[in-house]
Amino acid sequence: MTRGRPKKVADLIQRELSELLRRELRDPRVGMITITSVDVSPDLSHAKVFFTALGKEQLQQTTDGLQRAAGFLRSQLAQRMKMYTTPELRFAYDESVERGDRLSRLIDSVVPPKR
C-alpha cells in the first residue's frame, strides 16, 4: 500500500471530524477545538487525531469528552466515508502551536526590535 492512500484518508477524516464536532457533538466537555492534523496507520486501522483547544485549563475534560465520543464519531465517519473499515480514533492534544508561540516570544525577547 502506498503512503498516498493513508494521507488521503487522513485529510478526509480531518474534514469530516471538524464538521461532526461542530454540528453533531453535544458533549459540554468538548468546547471550542480545532483538528490540526490526523495521522492514519498504513493499514488504515488507527487514526491519531491532533487537536488544539481554547482554555488549556479544561484540557483533561476536553480529552475525556473526545475519548468518550470516539465511538459515536467513528460510527458517523463510517456513514459519511463509505469505507470497508473505519479507523479507530485516538485523540491527542497538539502542543506544536503552543510550543511555536512560546519560541516566537522567546526570540522576540532576545532580538532587538528593528528601527
Protein backbone atom coordinates (compact mmCIF):
# COMPACT_ATOMS: atom_id res chain seq x y z
CA MET A 1 0.00 0.00 0.00
CA THR A 2 1.35 3.43 -0.85
CA ARG A 3 1.64 6.36 1.52
CA GLY A 4 -0.84 8.25 -0.66
CA ARG A 5 -3.92 6.39 0.50
CA PRO A 6 -3.41 6.92 4.26
CA LYS A 7 -2.75 10.62 3.58
CA LYS A 8 -5.99 10.96 1.60
CA VAL A 9 -7.92 9.13 4.30
CA ALA A 10 -6.33 11.35 6.98
CA ASP A 11 -7.34 14.51 5.10
CA LEU A 12 -10.89 13.23 4.69
CA ILE A 13 -11.12 12.27 8.37
CA GLN A 14 -9.88 15.73 9.38
CA ARG A 15 -12.53 17.47 7.25
CA GLU A 16 -15.38 15.20 8.31
CA LEU A 17 -14.45 15.22 12.01
CA SER A 18 -14.27 19.01 12.05
CA GLU A 19 -17.78 19.14 10.63
CA LEU A 20 -19.08 16.46 13.02
CA LEU A 21 -17.62 18.20 16.06
CA ARG A 22 -19.13 21.48 15.01
CA ARG A 23 -22.61 20.18 14.14
CA GLU A 24 -23.27 16.87 15.89
CA LEU A 25 -21.31 16.53 19.13
CA ARG A 26 -23.28 17.74 22.15
CA ASP A 27 -20.81 16.92 24.94
CA PRO A 28 -20.39 20.03 27.14
CA ARG A 29 -16.82 18.99 27.99
CA VAL A 30 -15.79 19.48 24.35
CA GLY A 31 -15.73 23.22 23.74
CA MET A 32 -14.01 25.16 21.01
CA ILE A 33 -11.47 22.81 19.48
CA THR A 34 -9.64 22.69 16.18
CA ILE A 35 -8.47 19.50 14.50
CA THR A 36 -4.90 20.36 13.47
CA SER A 37 -3.90 17.06 11.84
CA VAL A 38 -4.67 13.37 11.58
CA ASP A 39 -2.13 10.54 11.28
CA VAL A 40 -3.52 7.29 9.88
CA SER A 41 -1.66 3.99 10.21
CA PRO A 42 -0.56 2.33 6.94
CA ASP A 43 -3.19 -0.40 7.34
CA LEU A 44 -5.90 2.26 7.97
CA SER A 45 -6.91 0.64 11.27
CA HIS A 46 -5.97 3.52 13.59
CA ALA A 47 -6.11 7.29 13.35
CA LYS A 48 -4.42 9.64 15.80
CA VAL A 49 -6.31 12.94 15.81
CA PHE A 50 -4.40 16.01 16.99
CA PHE A 51 -6.38 18.98 18.30
CA THR A 52 -5.94 22.36 19.95
CA ALA A 53 -8.41 23.86 22.37
CA LEU A 54 -9.29 27.23 23.78
CA GLY A 55 -8.86 27.19 27.52
CA LYS A 56 -6.00 24.91 28.39
CA GLU A 57 -7.29 24.63 31.98
CA GLN A 58 -10.04 22.27 30.80
CA LEU A 59 -7.73 20.22 28.57
CA GLN A 60 -8.23 16.97 30.50
CA GLN A 61 -12.02 17.38 30.40
CA THR A 62 -11.89 18.05 26.66
CA THR A 63 -9.70 15.00 26.04
CA ASP A 64 -12.01 12.85 28.19
CA GLY A 65 -15.04 14.13 26.27
CA LEU A 66 -13.42 13.34 22.92
CA GLN A 67 -12.38 9.84 24.04
CA ARG A 68 -15.91 9.22 25.32
CA ALA A 69 -17.36 10.36 21.97
CA ALA A 70 -14.84 8.38 19.87
CA GLY A 71 -17.28 5.52 19.18
CA PHE A 72 -20.05 7.89 18.13
CA LEU A 73 -17.67 9.89 15.93
CA ARG A 74 -16.29 6.70 14.35
CA SER A 75 -19.79 5.46 13.50
CA GLN A 76 -20.68 8.82 11.97
CA LEU A 77 -17.45 8.77 9.95
CA ALA A 78 -18.29 5.26 8.71
CA GLN A 79 -21.62 6.50 7.38
CA ARG A 80 -20.07 9.53 5.69
CA MET A 81 -16.90 7.96 4.28
CA LYS A 82 -18.31 4.68 2.97
CA MET A 83 -15.12 2.70 3.67
CA TYR A 84 -14.86 -1.01 4.34
CA THR A 85 -13.41 -0.31 7.78
CA THR A 86 -13.21 2.99 9.61
CA PRO A 87 -10.07 3.66 11.66
CA GLU A 88 -10.22 3.58 15.44
CA LEU A 89 -9.89 7.15 16.72
CA ARG A 90 -7.40 8.28 19.36
CA PHE A 91 -7.22 11.93 20.38
CA ALA A 92 -4.08 13.83 21.42
CA TYR A 93 -3.53 17.47 22.29
CA ASP A 94 -1.33 19.21 19.70
CA GLU A 95 1.34 21.12 21.59
CA SER A 96 3.12 22.35 18.45
CA VAL A 97 1.08 25.59 18.22
CA GLU A 98 1.73 26.42 21.86
CA ARG A 99 5.41 25.49 21.54
CA GLY A 100 5.77 27.66 18.42
CA ASP A 101 4.16 30.61 20.18
CA ARG A 102 6.48 30.20 23.17
CA LEU A 103 9.55 30.03 20.90
CA SER A 104 8.40 33.09 18.99
CA ARG A 105 8.04 35.07 22.24
CA LEU A 106 11.49 33.90 23.35
CA ILE A 107 13.06 35.04 20.08
CA ASP A 108 11.24 38.38 20.28
CA SER A 109 12.54 38.92 23.82
CA VAL A 110 16.17 38.37 22.73
CA VAL A 111 16.28 40.02 19.32
CA PRO A 112 16.25 43.83 19.50
CA PRO A 113 13.42 45.46 17.51
CA LYS A 114 14.36 46.87 14.09
CA ARG A 115 14.29 50.63 13.67
